[in-house]
C-alpha atoms as a PDB file:
ATOM      1  CA  UNK A   1     -12.331  -7.505  -8.509  1.00  0.00           C
ATOM      2  CA  UNK A   2      -9.630  -5.716  -6.871  1.00  0.00           C
ATOM      3  CA  UNK A   3      -8.502  -2.520  -8.571  1.00  0.00           C
ATOM      4  CA  UNK A   4      -5.421  -0.533  -7.855  1.00  0.00           C
ATOM      5  CA  UNK A   5      -5.508   2.714  -8.850  1.00  0.00           C
ATOM      6  CA  UNK A   6      -2.987   5.584  -9.013  1.00  0.00           C
ATOM      7  CA  UNK A   7      -4.338   9.341  -9.012  1.00  0.00           C
ATOM      8  CA  UNK A   8      -1.728  12.478  -9.404  1.00  0.00           C
ATOM      9  CA  UNK A   9      -3.501  15.331  -7.680  1.00  0.00           C
ATOM     10  CA  UNK A  10      -2.693  18.676  -6.549  1.00  0.00           C
ATOM     11  CA  UNK A  11      -1.013  18.515  -3.216  1.00  0.00           C
ATOM     12  CA  UNK A  12      -3.854  20.680  -1.530  1.00  0.00           C
ATOM     13  CA  UNK A  13      -5.724  20.776   1.714  1.00  0.00           C
ATOM     14  CA  UNK A  14      -8.985  18.910   1.325  1.00  0.00           C
ATOM     15  CA  UNK A  15      -8.298  16.694  -1.658  1.00  0.00           C
ATOM     16  CA  UNK A  16      -7.976  13.544   0.332  1.00  0.00           C
ATOM     17  CA  UNK A  17     -11.496  14.253   1.476  1.00  0.00           C
ATOM     18  CA  UNK A  18     -12.669  14.787  -2.042  1.00  0.00           C
ATOM     19  CA  UNK A  19     -11.081  11.698  -3.109  1.00  0.00           C
ATOM     20  CA  UNK A  20     -12.480   9.385   0.144  1.00  0.00           C
ATOM     21  CA  UNK A  21     -16.224  10.927  -0.162  1.00  0.00           C
ATOM     22  CA  UNK A  22     -16.251  10.107  -3.394  1.00  0.00           C
ATOM     23  CA  UNK A  23     -15.751   6.188  -2.489  1.00  0.00           C
ATOM     24  CA  UNK A  24     -17.881   6.530   0.379  1.00  0.00           C
ATOM     25  CA  UNK A  25     -20.584   8.099  -1.645  1.00  0.00           C
ATOM     26  CA  UNK A  26     -21.042   5.357  -3.538  1.00  0.00           C
ATOM     27  CA  UNK A  27     -20.530   2.837  -1.069  1.00  0.00           C
ATOM     28  CA  UNK A  28     -17.394   1.406  -1.830  1.00  0.00           C
ATOM     29  CA  UNK A  29     -14.501   0.603   0.656  1.00  0.00           C
ATOM     30  CA  UNK A  30     -11.103   1.853  -0.055  1.00  0.00           C
ATOM     31  CA  UNK A  31      -9.091  -1.369   1.284  1.00  0.00           C
ATOM     32  CA  UNK A  32      -5.513   0.980   1.335  1.00  0.00           C
ATOM     33  CA  UNK A  33      -4.573   4.555   0.455  1.00  0.00           C
ATOM     34  CA  UNK A  34      -1.029   5.769   0.188  1.00  0.00           C
ATOM     35  CA  UNK A  35      -0.907   9.234  -0.156  1.00  0.00           C
ATOM     36  CA  UNK A  36       3.089  11.177  -0.440  1.00  0.00           C
ATOM     37  CA  UNK A  37       4.033  13.814  -2.357  1.00  0.00           C
ATOM     38  CA  UNK A  38       6.223  13.482  -5.946  1.00  0.00           C
ATOM     39  CA  UNK A  39       8.916  15.096  -6.833  1.00  0.00           C
ATOM     40  CA  UNK A  40       7.068  17.793  -7.786  1.00  0.00           C
ATOM     41  CA  UNK A  41       6.340  19.069  -4.309  1.00  0.00           C
ATOM     42  CA  UNK A  42       2.778  20.796  -5.195  1.00  0.00           C
ATOM     43  CA  UNK A  43       1.744  17.358  -6.606  1.00  0.00           C
ATOM     44  CA  UNK A  44       1.024  13.865  -4.709  1.00  0.00           C
ATOM     45  CA  UNK A  45       0.636  10.804  -5.607  1.00  0.00           C
ATOM     46  CA  UNK A  46      -2.351   8.244  -4.184  1.00  0.00           C
ATOM     47  CA  UNK A  47      -2.356   4.722  -4.277  1.00  0.00           C
ATOM     48  CA  UNK A  48      -5.925   3.502  -3.922  1.00  0.00           C
ATOM     49  CA  UNK A  49      -7.017  -0.163  -3.535  1.00  0.00           C
ATOM     50  CA  UNK A  50     -10.321  -1.107  -3.523  1.00  0.00           C
ATOM     51  CA  UNK A  51     -12.695  -4.048  -4.769  1.00  0.00           C
ATOM     52  CA  UNK A  52     -15.625  -3.714  -7.290  1.00  0.00           C
ATOM     53  CA  UNK A  53     -16.911  -5.018 -10.947  1.00  0.00           C
ATOM     54  CA  UNK A  54     -15.659  -2.896 -13.673  1.00  0.00           C
ATOM     55  CA  UNK A  55     -18.519  -0.857 -14.703  1.00  0.00           C
ATOM     56  CA  UNK A  56     -19.050   0.237 -11.171  1.00  0.00           C
ATOM     57  CA  UNK A  57     -15.067   1.043 -11.250  1.00  0.00           C
ATOM     58  CA  UNK A  58     -15.219   2.901 -14.338  1.00  0.00           C
ATOM     59  CA  UNK A  59     -17.640   5.438 -12.980  1.00  0.00           C
ATOM     60  CA  UNK A  60     -15.445   5.946 -10.247  1.00  0.00           C
ATOM     61  CA  UNK A  61     -12.609   6.771 -12.168  1.00  0.00           C
ATOM     62  CA  UNK A  62     -14.946   9.254 -14.383  1.00  0.00           C
ATOM     63  CA  UNK A  63     -15.919  10.585 -11.149  1.00  0.00           C
ATOM     64  CA  UNK A  64     -12.089  11.215  -9.844  1.00  0.00           C
ATOM     65  CA  UNK A  65     -11.436  12.713 -13.487  1.00  0.00           C
ATOM     66  CA  UNK A  66     -13.984  14.959 -12.789  1.00  0.00           C
ATOM     67  CA  UNK A  67     -12.465  16.598  -9.319  1.00  0.00           C
ATOM     68  CA  UNK A  68     -11.026  19.709  -9.515  1.00  0.00           C
ATOM     69  CA  UNK A  69      -7.731  18.469  -8.043  1.00  0.00           C
ATOM     70  CA  UNK A  70      -7.322  15.834 -10.110  1.00  0.00           C
ATOM     71  CA  UNK A  71      -4.550  15.353 -12.774  1.00  0.00           C
ATOM     72  CA  UNK A  72      -4.301  12.266 -14.041  1.00  0.00           C
ATOM     73  CA  UNK A  73      -5.919   9.046 -13.072  1.00  0.00           C
ATOM     74  CA  UNK A  74      -4.941   5.062 -14.269  1.00  0.00           C
ATOM     75  CA  UNK A  75      -6.342   1.732 -13.491  1.00  0.00           C
ATOM     76  CA  UNK A  76      -3.482  -0.700 -13.109  1.00  0.00           C
ATOM     77  CA  UNK A  77      -6.171  -3.345 -13.585  1.00  0.00           C
ATOM     78  CA  UNK A  78      -5.140  -5.547 -16.708  1.00  0.00           C
ATOM     79  CA  UNK A  79      -1.608  -3.693 -16.886  1.00  0.00           C
ATOM     80  CA  UNK A  80       1.920  -4.180 -16.174  1.00  0.00           C
ATOM     81  CA  UNK A  81       3.438  -2.828 -12.869  1.00  0.00           C
ATOM     82  CA  UNK A  82       5.339  -2.965 -10.103  1.00  0.00           C
ATOM     83  CA  UNK A  83       3.979  -3.504  -6.310  1.00  0.00           C
ATOM     84  CA  UNK A  84       5.385  -3.094  -3.197  1.00  0.00           C
ATOM     85  CA  UNK A  85       4.242  -2.910   0.241  1.00  0.00           C
ATOM     86  CA  UNK A  86       6.176  -2.794   3.424  1.00  0.00           C
ATOM     87  CA  UNK A  87       5.393  -4.177   7.004  1.00  0.00           C
ATOM     88  CA  UNK A  88       6.177  -3.273  10.410  1.00  0.00           C
ATOM     89  CA  UNK A  89       5.790  -6.482  12.953  1.00  0.00           C
ATOM     90  CA  UNK A  90       6.105  -6.591  16.756  1.00  0.00           C
ATOM     91  CA  UNK A  91       6.709 -10.115  17.652  1.00  0.00           C
ATOM     92  CA  UNK A  92       7.729 -12.098  20.648  1.00  0.00           C
ATOM     93  CA  UNK A  93      11.064 -13.121  21.115  1.00  0.00           C
ATOM     94  CA  UNK A  94      11.570 -15.666  23.599  1.00  0.00           C
ATOM     95  CA  UNK A  95      14.810 -17.562  23.968  1.00  0.00           C
ATOM     96  CA  UNK A  96      13.669 -20.780  22.120  1.00  0.00           C
ATOM     97  CA  UNK A  97      12.117 -18.286  19.097  1.00  0.00           C
ATOM     98  CA  UNK A  98      14.590 -15.914  18.386  1.00  0.00           C
ATOM     99  CA  UNK A  99      16.888 -18.288  16.064  1.00  0.00           C
ATOM    100  CA  UNK A 100      13.808 -18.959  14.300  1.00  0.00           C
ATOM    101  CA  UNK A 101      12.687 -15.170  13.765  1.00  0.00           C
ATOM    102  CA  UNK A 102      15.934 -14.417  12.642  1.00  0.00           C
ATOM    103  CA  UNK A 103      16.148 -17.617   9.806  1.00  0.00           C
ATOM    104  CA  UNK A 104      12.251 -16.049   8.771  1.00  0.00           C
ATOM    105  CA  UNK A 105      13.601 -12.652   8.638  1.00  0.00           C
ATOM    106  CA  UNK A 106      16.539 -14.167   6.442  1.00  0.00           C
ATOM    107  CA  UNK A 107      14.358 -16.142   3.879  1.00  0.00           C
ATOM    108  CA  UNK A 108      11.909 -12.981   3.337  1.00  0.00           C
ATOM    109  CA  UNK A 109      15.110 -10.707   2.923  1.00  0.00           C
ATOM    110  CA  UNK A 110      13.403  -8.900   5.971  1.00  0.00           C
ATOM    111  CA  UNK A 111      15.218  -7.148   8.926  1.00  0.00           C
ATOM    112  CA  UNK A 112      15.023  -6.970  12.358  1.00  0.00           C
ATOM    113  CA  UNK A 113      15.095  -2.836  13.099  1.00  0.00           C
ATOM    114  CA  UNK A 114      14.240  -2.744  17.085  1.00  0.00           C
ATOM    115  CA  UNK A 115      15.480  -4.950  19.484  1.00  0.00           C
ATOM    116  CA  UNK A 116      14.108  -5.207  23.292  1.00  0.00           C
ATOM    117  CA  UNK A 117      14.711  -8.039  25.915  1.00  0.00           C
ATOM    118  CA  UNK A 118      11.319  -9.418  24.960  1.00  0.00           C
ATOM    119  CA  UNK A 119      10.595  -8.868  21.102  1.00  0.00           C
ATOM    120  CA  UNK A 120      11.545  -7.955  17.988  1.00  0.00           C
ATOM    121  CA  UNK A 121      10.428  -5.499  15.397  1.00  0.00           C
ATOM    122  CA  UNK A 122      10.621  -6.580  11.985  1.00  0.00           C
ATOM    123  CA  UNK A 123      10.377  -4.763   8.631  1.00  0.00           C
ATOM    124  CA  UNK A 124       9.616  -6.769   5.801  1.00  0.00           C
ATOM    125  CA  UNK A 125       9.184  -5.261   1.747  1.00  0.00           C
ATOM    126  CA  UNK A 126       7.816  -6.712  -1.100  1.00  0.00           C
ATOM    127  CA  UNK A 127       4.507  -8.026  -2.986  1.00  0.00           C
ATOM    128  CA  UNK A 128       1.686  -8.149  -0.661  1.00  0.00           C
ATOM    129  CA  UNK A 129       1.431 -11.893  -0.927  1.00  0.00           C
ATOM    130  CA  UNK A 130       5.365 -11.847   0.557  1.00  0.00           C
ATOM    131  CA  UNK A 131       4.193  -9.831   3.543  1.00  0.00           C
ATOM    132  CA  UNK A 132       1.184 -11.901   4.263  1.00  0.00           C
ATOM    133  CA  UNK A 133       3.324 -14.822   3.921  1.00  0.00           C
ATOM    134  CA  UNK A 134       5.932 -13.692   6.523  1.00  0.00           C
ATOM    135  CA  UNK A 135       2.696 -12.554   8.825  1.00  0.00           C
ATOM    136  CA  UNK A 136       1.783 -16.046   8.499  1.00  0.00           C
ATOM    137  CA  UNK A 137       4.671 -17.794   9.844  1.00  0.00           C
ATOM    138  CA  UNK A 138       5.356 -15.051  12.490  1.00  0.00           C
ATOM    139  CA  UNK A 139       1.988 -15.515  14.116  1.00  0.00           C
ATOM    140  CA  UNK A 140       2.760 -18.665  15.574  1.00  0.00           C
ATOM    141  CA  UNK A 141       5.352 -17.192  17.630  1.00  0.00           C
ATOM    142  CA  UNK A 142       3.133 -14.286  19.103  1.00  0.00           C
ATOM    143  CA  UNK A 143       2.731 -11.037  17.014  1.00  0.00           C
ATOM    144  CA  UNK A 144       2.268  -8.057  19.437  1.00  0.00           C
ATOM    145  CA  UNK A 145       1.587  -5.342  16.848  1.00  0.00           C
ATOM    146  CA  UNK A 146       1.461  -5.150  13.057  1.00  0.00           C
ATOM    147  CA  UNK A 147       1.256  -2.197  10.642  1.00  0.00           C
ATOM    148  CA  UNK A 148       1.523  -2.423   6.726  1.00  0.00           C
ATOM    149  CA  UNK A 149       1.406   0.415   4.049  1.00  0.00           C
ATOM    150  CA  UNK A 150      -0.569  -0.927   1.905  1.00  0.00           C
ATOM    151  CA  UNK A 151       0.779  -1.318  -1.688  1.00  0.00           C
ATOM    152  CA  UNK A 152       2.338   1.245  -3.575  1.00  0.00           C
ATOM    153  CA  UNK A 153       2.821   0.966  -7.732  1.00  0.00           C
ATOM    154  CA  UNK A 154       4.080   2.203 -10.545  1.00  0.00           C
ATOM    155  CA  UNK A 155       4.170   1.156 -14.224  1.00  0.00           C
ATOM    156  CA  UNK A 156       6.496  -0.777 -15.978  1.00  0.00           C
ATOM    157  CA  UNK A 157       9.001   0.683 -18.721  1.00  0.00           C
ATOM    158  CA  UNK A 158      10.276   4.233 -19.472  1.00  0.00           C
ATOM    159  CA  UNK A 159       7.064   5.770 -19.707  1.00  0.00           C
ATOM    160  CA  UNK A 160       6.564   7.947 -16.842  1.00  0.00           C
ATOM    161  CA  UNK A 161       3.445  10.093 -15.723  1.00  0.00           C
ATOM    162  CA  UNK A 162       3.951  13.730 -16.502  1.00  0.00           C
ATOM    163  CA  UNK A 163       1.237  16.203 -15.358  1.00  0.00           C
ATOM    164  CA  UNK A 164      -0.938  18.022 -17.598  1.00  0.00           C
END
């Protein structure tokens, strides 16, 4: 089962290494990881996507909570949340495919952020499924490079995380 976990941590040297070590020490793969400071620059939010059964993930959640730099852990599995991902896609843009690339971008509300004589760089934001769909449509035109952020999530509604 897919799990999306959000962890508030102290924004300090070595925290990412300790969290990654916790996963690797238990033989779990981190499918995606996004880390950035919050409104409070002394606190970072990590969004971790992994797969595994509920029992093992419960153990990981407990271990994350035991780390000294951890402030709060939320497993969004089964929760109501907003999830977004961003991708940059460098695609071959020949004379006969340029219009089709622009149509696809328009349909997915993406935008061309760079143009060269031989390629377009497209930016798209949305659910991971939406990002995968545009990648699948652009693939036949010749994707030269692709980078995805991995999902970031926030719980729905007025409730906000507070440190402490």
